[in-house]
Amino acid sequence: MSGRPGEVELAFPAKARLGEGPTWDPASDRLIWVDILASRVHSFDPATGHSSVLATEQHVGAAKPRSGGGLVVNLRDGVGLYDADGAFRWLHREAIPGRRANDAAVDAAGHLWAGTMRYDEAPGGGTLRRIAPDGTVTPVLDDVAVSNGTGWSPDGTLMYYVDSPTGRVDVFDVDSGTGLLRDRRPLAVIEDGAGFPDGLTVDADGCVWVALWDGGAVRRYTPEGKLDRVVELPAARATACVFGGPDLTELYITTATTGLDARALAAQPLAGSVLVVSGAGIGLPGKTFAG
């Protein structure tokens, strides 16, 4: 896809209830994204326009490519694996009534960092867990409300994280030996009235791009926490973003329609679609789950 540099354009028309988790798969040059509440994993080839849909049996918070083909999925009751032929099996199952999966990310070692939240978004009802390729689970954060964006600095020494109701993008130091976290502190605080931070991605300059739910925008923050760019969107409920395309210069943004009334939907005809900004920057190559 080759749009006008810096302008927001329609990448894939949809009316997703809760579009989320855009992921660029370099092995297939396709964008993978989910509609959480519709229990759907979408795959889209921008070059050809071809798309496909995988229906999951549970609400799906995220889907990431696996190194051997297929997908790892963050589902309501745990983390599962789809093989390339569509066969499914659980990798880690932990069903807790009232809780569901949300955003997830893959680190440089091929582990899945899987977030959860309660449907009622109750404080302390969510978690962040690191899932190894063999299914070993390492608790990372408890006492989370809405576990959302997760990403790493280009050199892997920092991890960025969003628990949406806090209104912050936080940053941790990453232990070089264990890959785990220490010294949590705010990178950026979203001011009142600007929306809530949701999914994020990190670019090749080490800057953090974060989507603002009910803010109708994506913001770029420097590694020092300075706001240096705002991309206004034609959809209020931006959920997440990722760089994709052959040269990783196209910023794809997922959006949602859930909770919007008829008037809001009429005023936002692109709500629920995937948007794209060409030439926004240069992204980092995505990681694949090693299991």
C-alpha atoms as a PDB file:
ATOM      1  CA  MET A   1       0.000   0.000   0.000  1.00  0.00           C
ATOM      2  CA  SER A   2       1.403   3.379  -0.958  1.00  0.00           C
ATOM      3  CA  GLY A   3      -0.614   6.263   0.441  1.00  0.00           C
ATOM      4  CA  ARG A   4       0.117   9.956   0.729  1.00  0.00           C
ATOM      5  CA  PRO A   5       2.879  10.475   3.305  1.00  0.00           C
ATOM      6  CA  GLY A   6       1.561  11.592   6.665  1.00  0.00           C
ATOM      7  CA  GLU A   7      -2.134  11.310   5.806  1.00  0.00           C
ATOM      8  CA  VAL A   8      -4.544   8.926   7.507  1.00  0.00           C
ATOM      9  CA  GLU A   9      -6.157   6.579   4.999  1.00  0.00           C
ATOM     10  CA  LEU A  10      -8.382   3.524   5.067  1.00  0.00           C
ATOM     11  CA  ALA A  11      -6.384   0.292   4.954  1.00  0.00           C
ATOM     12  CA  PHE A  12      -9.142  -2.258   5.531  1.00  0.00           C
ATOM     13  CA  PRO A  13     -12.850  -1.449   5.826  1.00  0.00           C
ATOM     14  CA  ALA A  14     -14.558  -3.140   8.754  1.00  0.00           C
ATOM     15  CA  LYS A  15     -17.054  -2.568  11.534  1.00  0.00           C
ATOM     16  CA  ALA A  16     -15.091  -4.375  14.199  1.00  0.00           C
ATOM     17  CA  ARG A  17     -16.633  -4.312  17.645  1.00  0.00           C
ATOM     18  CA  LEU A  18     -13.214  -4.194  19.279  1.00  0.00           C
ATOM     19  CA  GLY A  19     -10.454  -4.207  16.679  1.00  0.00           C
ATOM     20  CA  GLU A  20      -7.115  -4.723  18.414  1.00  0.00           C
ATOM     21  CA  GLY A  21      -3.575  -6.068  18.345  1.00  0.00           C
ATOM     22  CA  PRO A  22      -2.307  -5.261  14.820  1.00  0.00           C
ATOM     23  CA  THR A  23       0.814  -7.322  14.081  1.00  0.00           C
ATOM     24  CA  TRP A  24       2.930  -7.331  10.930  1.00  0.00           C
ATOM     25  CA  ASP A  25       3.981 -10.832   9.867  1.00  0.00           C
ATOM     26  CA  PRO A  26       7.147 -10.454   7.773  1.00  0.00           C
ATOM     27  CA  ALA A  27       7.061 -14.091   6.652  1.00  0.00           C
ATOM     28  CA  SER A  28       3.832 -13.518   4.728  1.00  0.00           C
ATOM     29  CA  ASP A  29       3.793  -9.699   4.371  1.00  0.00           C
ATOM     30  CA  ARG A  30       0.395  -9.674   6.000  1.00  0.00           C
ATOM     31  CA  LEU A  31      -1.248  -7.708   8.786  1.00  0.00           C
ATOM     32  CA  ILE A  32      -2.784  -9.828  11.547  1.00  0.00           C
ATOM     33  CA  TRP A  33      -5.351  -8.217  13.842  1.00  0.00           C
ATOM     34  CA  VAL A  34      -8.212  -9.328  16.061  1.00  0.00           C
ATOM     35  CA  ASP A  35     -11.775  -8.350  16.820  1.00  0.00           C
ATOM     36  CA  ILE A  36     -11.806  -9.340  20.475  1.00  0.00           C
ATOM     37  CA  LEU A  37     -15.542  -9.408  21.164  1.00  0.00           C
ATOM     38  CA  ALA A  38     -16.395 -11.042  17.827  1.00  0.00           C
ATOM     39  CA  SER A  39     -13.856 -13.847  18.485  1.00  0.00           C
ATOM     40  CA  ARG A  40     -12.181 -13.312  15.130  1.00  0.00           C
ATOM     41  CA  VAL A  41      -8.568 -13.233  13.943  1.00  0.00           C
ATOM     42  CA  HIS A  42      -8.188 -11.292  10.695  1.00  0.00           C
ATOM     43  CA  SER A  43      -5.342 -11.540   8.198  1.00  0.00           C
ATOM     44  CA  PHE A  44      -4.901  -8.968   5.431  1.00  0.00           C
ATOM     45  CA  ASP A  45      -2.443  -8.643   2.538  1.00  0.00           C
ATOM     46  CA  PRO A  46      -2.216  -4.920   1.654  1.00  0.00           C
ATOM     47  CA  ALA A  47      -0.495  -5.662  -1.670  1.00  0.00           C
ATOM     48  CA  THR A  48      -3.281  -7.842  -3.046  1.00  0.00           C
ATOM     49  CA  GLY A  49      -6.235  -6.897  -0.863  1.00  0.00           C
ATOM     50  CA  HIS A  50      -6.774 -10.552   0.022  1.00  0.00           C
ATOM     51  CA  SER A  51      -8.092 -11.186   3.523  1.00  0.00           C
ATOM     52  CA  SER A  52      -9.097 -14.168   5.630  1.00  0.00           C
ATOM     53  CA  VAL A  53     -10.772 -14.743   8.976  1.00  0.00           C
ATOM     54  CA  LEU A  54     -10.177 -17.349  11.668  1.00  0.00           C
ATOM     55  CA  ALA A  55     -13.070 -17.829  14.098  1.00  0.00           C
ATOM     56  CA  THR A  56     -11.978 -18.688  17.627  1.00  0.00           C
ATOM     57  CA  GLU A  57     -14.192 -20.384  20.215  1.00  0.00           C
ATOM     58  CA  GLN A  58     -13.519 -17.677  22.796  1.00  0.00           C
ATOM     59  CA  HIS A  59     -12.880 -13.955  22.913  1.00  0.00           C
ATOM     60  CA  VAL A  60      -9.372 -13.425  21.552  1.00  0.00           C
ATOM     61  CA  GLY A  61      -7.188 -10.628  22.906  1.00  0.00           C
ATOM     62  CA  ALA A  62      -4.230 -11.065  20.567  1.00  0.00           C
ATOM     63  CA  ALA A  63      -2.797 -13.312  17.853  1.00  0.00           C
ATOM     64  CA  LYS A  64       0.898 -13.470  16.963  1.00  0.00           C
ATOM     65  CA  PRO A  65       2.781 -15.498  14.331  1.00  0.00           C
ATOM     66  CA  ARG A  66       4.775 -18.564  15.378  1.00  0.00           C
ATOM     67  CA  SER A  67       8.262 -19.277  14.092  1.00  0.00           C
ATOM     68  CA  GLY A  68       7.193 -22.636  12.678  1.00  0.00           C
ATOM     69  CA  GLY A  69       3.963 -21.373  11.156  1.00  0.00           C
ATOM     70  CA  GLY A  70       0.520 -20.847  12.626  1.00  0.00           C
ATOM     71  CA  LEU A  71      -0.465 -18.546  15.470  1.00  0.00           C
ATOM     72  CA  VAL A  72      -0.255 -18.197  19.225  1.00  0.00           C
ATOM     73  CA  VAL A  73      -3.481 -16.700  20.587  1.00  0.00           C
ATOM     74  CA  ASN A  74      -4.327 -15.019  23.882  1.00  0.00           C
ATOM     75  CA  LEU A  75      -7.816 -16.356  24.609  1.00  0.00           C
ATOM     76  CA  ARG A  76     -10.339 -15.823  27.384  1.00  0.00           C
ATOM     77  CA  ASP A  77      -9.246 -18.948  29.255  1.00  0.00           C
ATOM     78  CA  GLY A  78      -5.524 -18.948  28.467  1.00  0.00           C
ATOM     79  CA  VAL A  79      -2.981 -19.167  25.677  1.00  0.00           C
ATOM     80  CA  GLY A  80      -3.431 -21.562  22.764  1.00  0.00           C
ATOM     81  CA  LEU A  81      -1.643 -22.566  19.573  1.00  0.00           C
ATOM     82  CA  TYR A  82      -2.979 -22.871  16.041  1.00  0.00           C
ATOM     83  CA  ASP A  83      -0.853 -24.928  13.685  1.00  0.00           C
ATOM     84  CA  ALA A  84      -0.501 -23.951  10.043  1.00  0.00           C
ATOM     85  CA  ASP A  85      -3.172 -26.541   9.149  1.00  0.00           C
ATOM     86  CA  GLY A  86      -5.637 -25.017  11.621  1.00  0.00           C
ATOM     87  CA  ALA A  87      -5.295 -27.621  14.370  1.00  0.00           C
ATOM     88  CA  PHE A  88      -5.645 -26.114  17.856  1.00  0.00           C
ATOM     89  CA  ARG A  89      -4.274 -27.030  21.282  1.00  0.00           C
ATOM     90  CA  TRP A  90      -3.905 -25.266  24.604  1.00  0.00           C
ATOM     91  CA  LEU A  91      -0.439 -24.202  25.723  1.00  0.00           C
ATOM     92  CA  HIS A  92      -1.549 -22.778  29.067  1.00  0.00           C
ATOM     93  CA  ARG A  93      -5.100 -22.833  30.381  1.00  0.00           C
ATOM     94  CA  GLU A  94      -6.288 -20.825  33.377  1.00  0.00           C
ATOM     95  CA  ALA A  95     -10.014 -20.121  33.243  1.00  0.00           C
ATOM     96  CA  ILE A  96     -11.151 -17.505  35.767  1.00  0.00           C
ATOM     97  CA  PRO A  97     -14.819 -16.432  35.719  1.00  0.00           C
ATOM     98  CA  GLY A  98     -15.277 -12.808  34.717  1.00  0.00           C
ATOM     99  CA  ARG A  99     -11.789 -12.459  33.251  1.00  0.00           C
ATOM    100  CA  ARG A 100     -10.619 -12.379  29.637  1.00  0.00           C
ATOM    101  CA  ALA A 101      -7.457 -11.986  27.619  1.00  0.00           C
ATOM    102  CA  ASN A 102      -6.355  -8.649  26.253  1.00  0.00           C
ATOM    103  CA  ASP A 103      -3.262  -7.338  24.457  1.00  0.00           C
ATOM    104  CA  ALA A 104      -0.051  -9.369  24.158  1.00  0.00           C
ATOM    105  CA  ALA A 105       3.461  -9.020  22.722  1.00  0.00           C
ATOM    106  CA  VAL A 106       6.425 -11.234  21.836  1.00  0.00           C
ATOM    107  CA  ASP A 107       9.905 -10.471  23.156  1.00  0.00           C
ATOM    108  CA  ALA A 108      13.288 -11.062  21.518  1.00  0.00           C
ATOM    109  CA  ALA A 109      13.556 -14.501  23.149  1.00  0.00           C
ATOM    110  CA  GLY A 110      10.294 -15.631  21.567  1.00  0.00           C
ATOM    111  CA  HIS A 111       8.187 -15.528  24.744  1.00  0.00           C
ATOM    112  CA  LEU A 112       4.602 -14.250  24.777  1.00  0.00           C
ATOM    113  CA  TRP A 113       3.785 -11.519  27.277  1.00  0.00           C
ATOM    114  CA  ALA A 114       0.051 -12.025  27.725  1.00  0.00           C
ATOM    115  CA  GLY A 115      -2.229  -9.551  29.451  1.00  0.00           C
ATOM    116  CA  THR A 116      -5.619 -10.122  31.050  1.00  0.00           C
ATOM    117  CA  MET A 117      -8.438  -7.996  32.480  1.00  0.00           C
ATOM    118  CA  ARG A 118     -11.853  -8.420  34.030  1.00  0.00           C
ATOM    119  CA  TYR A 119     -14.856  -7.764  31.831  1.00  0.00           C
ATOM    120  CA  ASP A 120     -15.960  -5.132  34.356  1.00  0.00           C
ATOM    121  CA  GLU A 121     -12.433  -3.620  34.330  1.00  0.00           C
ATOM    122  CA  ALA A 122     -12.214  -3.887  38.102  1.00  0.00           C
ATOM    123  CA  PRO A 123      -8.873  -2.673  39.528  1.00  0.00           C
ATOM    124  CA  GLY A 124      -6.573  -5.551  40.401  1.00  0.00           C
ATOM    125  CA  GLY A 125      -8.522  -8.051  38.318  1.00  0.00           C
ATOM    126  CA  GLY A 126      -5.957  -8.316  35.519  1.00  0.00           C
ATOM    127  CA  THR A 127      -2.435  -9.657  35.151  1.00  0.00           C
ATOM    128  CA  LEU A 128       0.602  -9.730  32.904  1.00  0.00           C
ATOM    129  CA  ARG A 129       2.282 -13.121  32.417  1.00  0.00           C
ATOM    130  CA  ARG A 130       5.286 -14.279  30.393  1.00  0.00           C
ATOM    131  CA  ILE A 131       4.573 -17.545  28.581  1.00  0.00           C
ATOM    132  CA  ALA A 132       7.582 -19.550  27.417  1.00  0.00           C
ATOM    133  CA  PRO A 133       7.454 -21.715  24.273  1.00  0.00           C
ATOM    134  CA  ASP A 134       7.160 -24.839  26.461  1.00  0.00           C
ATOM    135  CA  GLY A 135       4.185 -23.374  28.340  1.00  0.00           C
ATOM    136  CA  THR A 136       6.084 -22.310  31.461  1.00  0.00           C
ATOM    137  CA  VAL A 137       4.346 -19.309  33.028  1.00  0.00           C
ATOM    138  CA  THR A 138       6.242 -16.547  34.824  1.00  0.00           C
ATOM    139  CA  PRO A 139       4.097 -13.979  36.687  1.00  0.00           C
ATOM    140  CA  VAL A 140       5.189 -10.441  35.838  1.00  0.00           C
ATOM    141  CA  LEU A 141       2.490  -8.084  37.142  1.00  0.00           C
ATOM    142  CA  ASP A 142      -0.561  -8.592  39.317  1.00  0.00           C
ATOM    143  CA  ASP A 143      -2.928  -5.890  40.506  1.00  0.00           C
ATOM    144  CA  VAL A 144      -3.579  -4.697  36.931  1.00  0.00           C
ATOM    145  CA  ALA A 145      -6.893  -3.288  35.727  1.00  0.00           C
ATOM    146  CA  VAL A 146      -6.685  -3.307  31.898  1.00  0.00           C
ATOM    147  CA  SER A 147      -3.411  -4.795  30.668  1.00  0.00           C
ATOM    148  CA  ASN A 148      -2.653  -3.194  27.326  1.00  0.00           C
ATOM    149  CA  GLY A 149       0.279  -2.010  25.212  1.00  0.00           C
ATOM    150  CA  THR A 150       3.648  -3.741  25.665  1.00  0.00           C
ATOM    151  CA  GLY A 151       6.860  -3.108  23.732  1.00  0.00           C
ATOM    152  CA  TRP A 152      10.638  -2.981  24.008  1.00  0.00           C
ATOM    153  CA  SER A 153      13.313  -0.444  23.148  1.00  0.00           C
ATOM    154  CA  PRO A 154      15.467  -1.260  20.111  1.00  0.00           C
ATOM    155  CA  ASP A 155      18.323  -2.502  22.326  1.00  0.00           C
ATOM    156  CA  GLY A 156      15.985  -4.503  24.578  1.00  0.00           C
ATOM    157  CA  THR A 157      17.044  -2.758  27.785  1.00  0.00           C
ATOM    158  CA  LEU A 158      13.674  -1.064  28.381  1.00  0.00           C
ATOM    159  CA  MET A 159      10.078  -2.275  28.289  1.00  0.00           C
ATOM    160  CA  TYR A 160       7.081   0.012  27.882  1.00  0.00           C
ATOM    161  CA  TYR A 161       3.683  -0.903  29.303  1.00  0.00           C
ATOM    162  CA  VAL A 162       0.150   0.449  29.625  1.00  0.00           C
ATOM    163  CA  ASP A 163      -2.444  -0.287  32.290  1.00  0.00           C
ATOM    164  CA  SER A 164      -5.080   1.914  30.659  1.00  0.00           C
ATOM    165  CA  PRO A 165      -6.995   3.340  33.657  1.00  0.00           C
ATOM    166  CA  THR A 166      -3.753   4.732  35.107  1.00  0.00           C
ATOM    167  CA  GLY A 167      -3.578   7.170  32.200  1.00  0.00           C
ATOM    168  CA  ARG A 168       0.156   6.492  31.841  1.00  0.00           C
ATOM    169  CA  VAL A 169       2.709   4.841  29.629  1.00  0.00           C
ATOM    170  CA  ASP A 170       5.197   3.275  32.035  1.00  0.00           C
ATOM    171  CA  VAL A 171       8.769   2.145  31.441  1.00  0.00           C
ATOM    172  CA  PHE A 172      10.790  -0.596  33.141  1.00  0.00           C
ATOM    173  CA  ASP A 173      14.416  -1.609  33.053  1.00  0.00           C
ATOM    174  CA  VAL A 174      14.858  -5.145  31.689  1.00  0.00           C
ATOM    175  CA  ASP A 175      17.190  -7.494  33.540  1.00  0.00           C
ATOM    176  CA  SER A 176      19.756  -8.690  31.005  1.00  0.00           C
ATOM    177  CA  GLY A 177      19.956 -12.138  32.581  1.00  0.00           C
ATOM    178  CA  THR A 178      16.326 -13.048  33.226  1.00  0.00           C
ATOM    179  CA  GLY A 179      14.493 -10.724  30.845  1.00  0.00           C
ATOM    180  CA  LEU A 180      12.246  -9.673  33.727  1.00  0.00           C
ATOM    181  CA  LEU A 181      11.485  -6.160  34.927  1.00  0.00           C
ATOM    182  CA  ARG A 182      12.508  -3.684  37.598  1.00  0.00           C
ATOM    183  CA  ASP A 183      12.232   0.012  38.468  1.00  0.00           C
ATOM    184  CA  ARG A 184       8.797   0.876  37.079  1.00  0.00           C
ATOM    185  CA  ARG A 185       8.292   4.587  36.422  1.00  0.00           C
ATOM    186  CA  PRO A 186       6.124   6.831  34.214  1.00  0.00           C
ATOM    187  CA  LEU A 187       7.333   7.677  30.725  1.00  0.00           C
ATOM    188  CA  ALA A 188       4.313   9.806  29.824  1.00  0.00           C
ATOM    189  CA  VAL A 189       1.060  10.841  31.475  1.00  0.00           C
ATOM    190  CA  ILE A 190      -1.989  11.416  29.269  1.00  0.00           C
ATOM    191  CA  GLU A 191      -3.753  14.568  30.368  1.00  0.00           C
ATOM    192  CA  ASP A 192      -7.421  14.547  31.381  1.00  0.00           C
ATOM    193  CA  GLY A 193      -9.773  14.742  28.425  1.00  0.00           C
ATOM    194  CA  ALA A 194      -7.284  13.385  25.885  1.00  0.00           C
ATOM    195  CA  GLY A 195      -8.409   9.761  26.141  1.00  0.00           C
ATOM    196  CA  PHE A 196      -6.843   6.675  27.667  1.00  0.00           C
ATOM    197  CA  PRO A 197      -3.605   5.005  26.518  1.00  0.00           C
ATOM    198  CA  ASP A 198      -4.212   1.657  24.824  1.00  0.00           C
ATOM    199  CA  GLY A 199      -1.927  -0.358  22.523  1.00  0.00           C
ATOM    200  CA  LEU A 200       1.557   0.807  21.599  1.00  0.00           C
ATOM    201  CA  THR A 201       4.495   0.157  19.301  1.00  0.00           C
ATOM    202  CA  VAL A 202       8.143   1.239  19.372  1.00  0.00           C
ATOM    203  CA  ASP A 203       9.891   2.588  16.279  1.00  0.00           C
ATOM    204  CA  ALA A 204      13.500   2.288  15.108  1.00  0.00           C
ATOM    205  CA  ASP A 205      14.371   5.582  16.817  1.00  0.00           C
ATOM    206  CA  GLY A 206      13.219   4.173  20.154  1.00  0.00           C
ATOM    207  CA  CYS A 207      10.125   6.394  20.232  1.00  0.00           C
ATOM    208  CA  VAL A 208       6.838   5.057  21.584  1.00  0.00           C
ATOM    209  CA  TRP A 209       3.628   5.383  19.559  1.00  0.00           C
ATOM    210  CA  VAL A 210       0.488   4.919  21.665  1.00  0.00           C
ATOM    211  CA  ALA A 211      -3.155   4.779  20.563  1.00  0.00           C
ATOM    212  CA  LEU A 212      -5.632   6.821  22.605  1.00  0.00           C
ATOM    213  CA  TRP A 213      -9.003   5.232  23.352  1.00  0.00           C
ATOM    214  CA  ASP A 214     -11.668   7.968  23.259  1.00  0.00           C
ATOM    215  CA  GLY A 215      -8.892  10.310  22.178  1.00  0.00           C
ATOM    216  CA  GLY A 216      -9.133   9.763  18.413  1.00  0.00           C
ATOM    217  CA  ALA A 217      -5.380   9.942  17.998  1.00  0.00           C
ATOM    218  CA  VAL A 218      -2.022   8.203  18.065  1.00  0.00           C
ATOM    219  CA  ARG A 219       0.808   9.961  19.879  1.00  0.00           C
ATOM    220  CA  ARG A 220       4.568   9.583  19.545  1.00  0.00           C
ATOM    221  CA  TYR A 221       6.753  10.042  22.624  1.00  0.00           C
ATOM    222  CA  THR A 222      10.537  10.210  22.624  1.00  0.00           C
ATOM    223  CA  PRO A 223      12.558   7.911  24.917  1.00  0.00           C
ATOM    224  CA  GLU A 224      12.739  10.874  27.299  1.00  0.00           C
ATOM    225  CA  GLY A 225       8.943  11.079  27.441  1.00  0.00           C
ATOM    226  CA  LYS A 226       8.547  14.190  25.279  1.00  0.00           C
ATOM    227  CA  LEU A 227       5.465  14.357  23.070  1.00  0.00           C
ATOM    228  CA  ASP A 228       6.711  15.139  19.577  1.00  0.00           C
ATOM    229  CA  ARG A 229       3.914  14.080  17.232  1.00  0.00           C
ATOM    230  CA  VAL A 230       0.143  13.617  17.225  1.00  0.00           C
ATOM    231  CA  VAL A 231      -1.766  11.851  14.443  1.00  0.00           C
ATOM    232  CA  GLU A 232      -5.464  12.762  14.560  1.00  0.00           C
ATOM    233  CA  LEU A 233      -7.829   9.993  13.476  1.00  0.00           C
ATOM    234  CA  PRO A 234     -11.380   9.860  12.085  1.00  0.00           C
ATOM    235  CA  ALA A 235     -12.342   7.339  14.784  1.00  0.00           C
ATOM    236  CA  ALA A 236     -12.478   8.146  18.495  1.00  0.00           C
ATOM    237  CA  ARG A 237     -11.756   4.661  19.800  1.00  0.00           C
ATOM    238  CA  ALA A 238      -8.239   3.993  18.561  1.00  0.00           C
ATOM    239  CA  THR A 239      -6.954   0.801  20.141  1.00  0.00           C
ATOM    240  CA  ALA A 240      -3.448  -0.099  18.927  1.00  0.00           C
ATOM    241  CA  CYS A 241      -0.851   0.506  16.234  1.00  0.00           C
ATOM    242  CA  VAL A 242       2.078  -1.218  14.505  1.00  0.00           C
ATOM    243  CA  PHE A 243       4.497  -0.487  11.688  1.00  0.00           C
ATOM    244  CA  GLY A 244       4.209  -2.758   8.663  1.00  0.00           C
ATOM    245  CA  GLY A 245       4.769  -3.003   4.950  1.00  0.00           C
ATOM    246  CA  PRO A 246       7.904  -4.310   3.215  1.00  0.00           C
ATOM    247  CA  ASP A 247      10.026  -1.465   4.585  1.00  0.00           C
ATOM    248  CA  LEU A 248       8.119  -1.053   7.896  1.00  0.00           C
ATOM    249  CA  THR A 249       7.137   2.551   7.123  1.00  0.00           C
ATOM    250  CA  GLU A 250       3.350   2.176   7.197  1.00  0.00           C
ATOM    251  CA  LEU A 251       1.670   2.732  10.550  1.00  0.00           C
ATOM    252  CA  TYR A 252      -1.435   0.548  10.848  1.00  0.00           C
ATOM    253  CA  ILE A 253      -4.032   1.488  13.460  1.00  0.00           C
ATOM    254  CA  THR A 254      -6.969  -0.575  14.721  1.00  0.00           C
ATOM    255  CA  THR A 255     -10.198   0.996  15.967  1.00  0.00           C
ATOM    256  CA  ALA A 256     -13.441  -0.032  17.665  1.00  0.00           C
ATOM    257  CA  THR A 257     -17.190   0.578  17.546  1.00  0.00           C
ATOM    258  CA  THR A 258     -18.171  -0.962  20.876  1.00  0.00           C
ATOM    259  CA  GLY A 259     -20.010   1.431  23.165  1.00  0.00           C
ATOM    260  CA  LEU A 260     -20.681   4.016  20.471  1.00  0.00           C
ATOM    261  CA  ASP A 261     -24.295   5.088  19.988  1.00  0.00           C
ATOM    262  CA  ALA A 262     -26.014   5.568  16.634  1.00  0.00           C
ATOM    263  CA  ARG A 263     -25.110   9.251  16.434  1.00  0.00           C
ATOM    264  CA  ALA A 264     -21.427   8.595  17.120  1.00  0.00           C
ATOM    265  CA  LEU A 265     -21.335   5.786  14.576  1.00  0.00           C
ATOM    266  CA  ALA A 266     -22.940   7.995  11.936  1.00  0.00           C
ATOM    267  CA  ALA A 267     -20.335  10.671  12.582  1.00  0.00           C
ATOM    268  CA  GLN A 268     -17.484   8.134  12.416  1.00  0.00           C
ATOM    269  CA  PRO A 269     -18.045   5.943   9.335  1.00  0.00           C
ATOM    270  CA  LEU A 270     -14.501   4.532   9.614  1.00  0.00           C
ATOM    271  CA  ALA A 271     -14.888   3.421  13.224  1.00  0.00           C
ATOM    272  CA  GLY A 272     -14.039  -0.269  13.486  1.00  0.00           C
ATOM    273  CA  SER A 273     -11.811  -0.179  10.395  1.00  0.00           C
ATOM    274  CA  VAL A 274      -8.036  -0.518  10.111  1.00  0.00           C
ATOM    275  CA  LEU A 275      -6.394   2.788   9.225  1.00  0.00           C
ATOM    276  CA  VAL A 276      -2.903   3.456   7.860  1.00  0.00           C
ATOM    277  CA  VAL A 277      -0.449   6.352   7.794  1.00  0.00           C
ATOM    278  CA  SER A 278       2.282   5.967   5.181  1.00  0.00           C
ATOM    279  CA  GLY A 279       5.731   7.380   5.864  1.00  0.00           C
ATOM    280  CA  ALA A 280       5.016   7.945   9.558  1.00  0.00           C
ATOM    281  CA  GLY A 281       8.404   6.555  10.563  1.00  0.00           C
ATOM    282  CA  ILE A 282      10.309   3.292  10.492  1.00  0.00           C
ATOM    283  CA  GLY A 283       9.292   0.395  12.698  1.00  0.00           C
ATOM    284  CA  LEU A 284      11.184  -2.463  14.259  1.00  0.00           C
ATOM    285  CA  PRO A 285      10.970  -5.989  12.834  1.00  0.00           C
ATOM    286  CA  GLY A 286       8.361  -8.027  14.670  1.00  0.00           C
ATOM    287  CA  LYS A 287       9.253 -11.058  16.766  1.00  0.00           C
ATOM    288  CA  THR A 288       7.656 -14.478  16.338  1.00  0.00           C
ATOM    289  CA  PHE A 289       6.641 -16.815  19.136  1.00  0.00           C
ATOM    290  CA  ALA A 290       9.158 -19.611  19.408  1.00  0.00           C
ATOM    291  CA  GLY A 291       6.668 -22.338  20.353  1.00  0.00           C
END
